[in-house]
Amino acid sequence: MVRERKGMCFKGKWSTCCFQGFRCLQSLNMGCWLLLLIFFHTLPLTFSEESQLVDISVNGSSLVAETDDNYICATLDWWPPEKCNYNQCPWGMASVFNLDLGNAHLRKAIQAFNTVRIRIGGSLQDHLFYDEPGLGAPCRPFRKQAGGMFGFSKGCLTRKRWDQLNLFFKETSAIVTFGLNALNGRRQTHDGTWVGPWNSSNARAFMEYTLSKGYAVDSWEFGNELSGSGVGARVKANVYGKDMIELKKIVKDLYRKSSPKPLILAPGGFYEHQWYMDFLHASGPGVVDVVSHHIYNLGAGNDLRISGRILNPEYLNGITATFQDLRTLTCQHGPWASSWISESGGAYNSGARLVSDTFLDSFWYLDQLGLAAKYNTKTYCRQSLIGGNYGLLDLKTFAPNPDYYGALLWHRLMGKGVLEINKTGSPFLRAYAHCAKNRAGVSMLLINLSNNTNFIVSVTGDNPSDEEIVLDGGVRESALINSLKIAVAWVGKKAGEERDEREEYHLKGRDGRVKSKKLLLNGVPLEITGRGDLPALDPAMVPSKSPIRVSPLSIVFAVFPDLLPKGCS
């Protein structure tokens, strides 16, 4: 593990002025001018002892991968209030059955995305039935039951609740992925394998009702964590593949007059190379539209090592091999299908208390969003929207947790085109670049995992104007010195003159605490307003040629309008 040298500068009240990326220069405030002079005076000390220069070049000749427009996704689960782990019961009233769909904070949190994908599913979905003709039993939610799967009885979704959910989805412009029961009709053997044919009648009736009501289910996912070794249950790959053929026929039949038709996702489990390959061979070409898998790479929610893993670049990189292998396998054995992460919560068993709902978790979450996108993952579903310790929203107040704001900024800033970058310097600075969303330019995500190093980041691209600055005699000028010169010249421009600026969004925990549930954006606390509205996520506007200062244990989004890669055109 790389050790970072401890520094003493960039501390005290004056650091905010510099941190704001020269925003203070716009006001010509004498105090900020004085602080700027102090900053110039301390440059040699700063560069030699406290900061590291990092050069990032964006290779924009072509895209290395592409996500869907709605890359960000969040899940709703079936867990009832009695779901507990490690003497905690963190699900409360967050189940699909009992979630307060009228809560204004919940609605506004979803609507803020304009459109966002909601995946309905989870561990209990393969014991969920639908209140359709021929059910032959009372339709009731899950309840505690000794000997039941995961300690719960079978459950049933009523038509009334499904109607309520779909009205909610329509009013919030949510895009719906629904996880179907893949165990109906099967029986369990002594080794945990479920055998026998899938009974599709109840699922088909539910889909028929959904279609008859005009409910816009974008995609159907078959089963939850039944692949490979399974979690609680498993189904062999060749059997699963045959079931997919049957499900595909049902969708084609029911939606024969619809265009486009819903996508078919599977298997929604943990990736095992041989099982996934056998599954694709058994289902055959054109059957599975999306190969979905789950990731919980931080370990169990009670593992005290989670915090260290989140800030360890080598550990974060450990999942790369899975992304690489799945991308290769899909290209070779299922080129007709795309790849989604349909569930990922970092720490399994409801997440890690006092970690998964704090700013610390954003370092894992946003890094994995960037890493997954690089390997052509089209959609990334976070467990969960609400519920457990890893909810994007607080279980009791429905107020956003820090990861919610990171997800929203990604959704608004990072376009679907993924760009290759070359980066020098410490592995504790993580960096990802995409085409800017719905506008020209490049959006970049910078993550500082170090607790004592400031990274001074200079970004160049393919544009001739973005080349390094070389002085007479061939000596390279410090990016920061040059940028400060640009900033001073820029201040002198009159109102209305063209200003080359970029947007910066600096995220940090309140009071510098990485485990804070309160988040600062450009030094301003993000709080719901008195009327219950989300805060404005306003950027700091800085000269586009200036470097970016990424302070210790902080995350920065930046949008470069002057970088115009060919791959984004």
Foldseek 3Di string as FASTA:
>chain_A
DDDDAFDDPCDDDLVLCVQLFVLVLLVVDPVVVVSVVVVVVCVVVCDPHFADEKEKEFEQQAFLAFAALQQEEFEQEADEQPQDDPPDRWFYQRHLVRDDLPDPLQLQLLLLLVEHEYEYYDDQQLLEFEPFPPPPDDAAGWDADPPDQSRIHRHYDYPVSVVVVLVSCVSSNYAYEYEHRQQDPWDADPLQETDDAGDCVRVLRVVLVCVVVVRHHQAYEYEAQQFDSGDSHHYALLRLLVVLLVVQVSQCVSCVVPPPTHAYEDDNHADDQVSVLSNLVNNDAPRHAEYEYEDQQQEAQVDPCSLVLLLDLVSLCPCLVVLVSVLVSCVVRPVNYAYAHAEYQNHPSLHHALQLQALSVLSSVVLVSQSNLSSHHHHYYYHHCEGGRNHQADNPPRHGFPVSVVSSCCSQFAHGGWIDMDMDDDSQWDKTKHQTPPAFFIKMKIFHSAQRYKYWYFYAYPDPVRDFDADPVRHGDDLQVVQVVVSVVQSPDDPPDDAQKKWKWKWAAPPRDSSHRWIATSNHTFDQDPVRHGDDRGTSIHHLSHTNIHHHRMMMMMTHNPHGRPNND
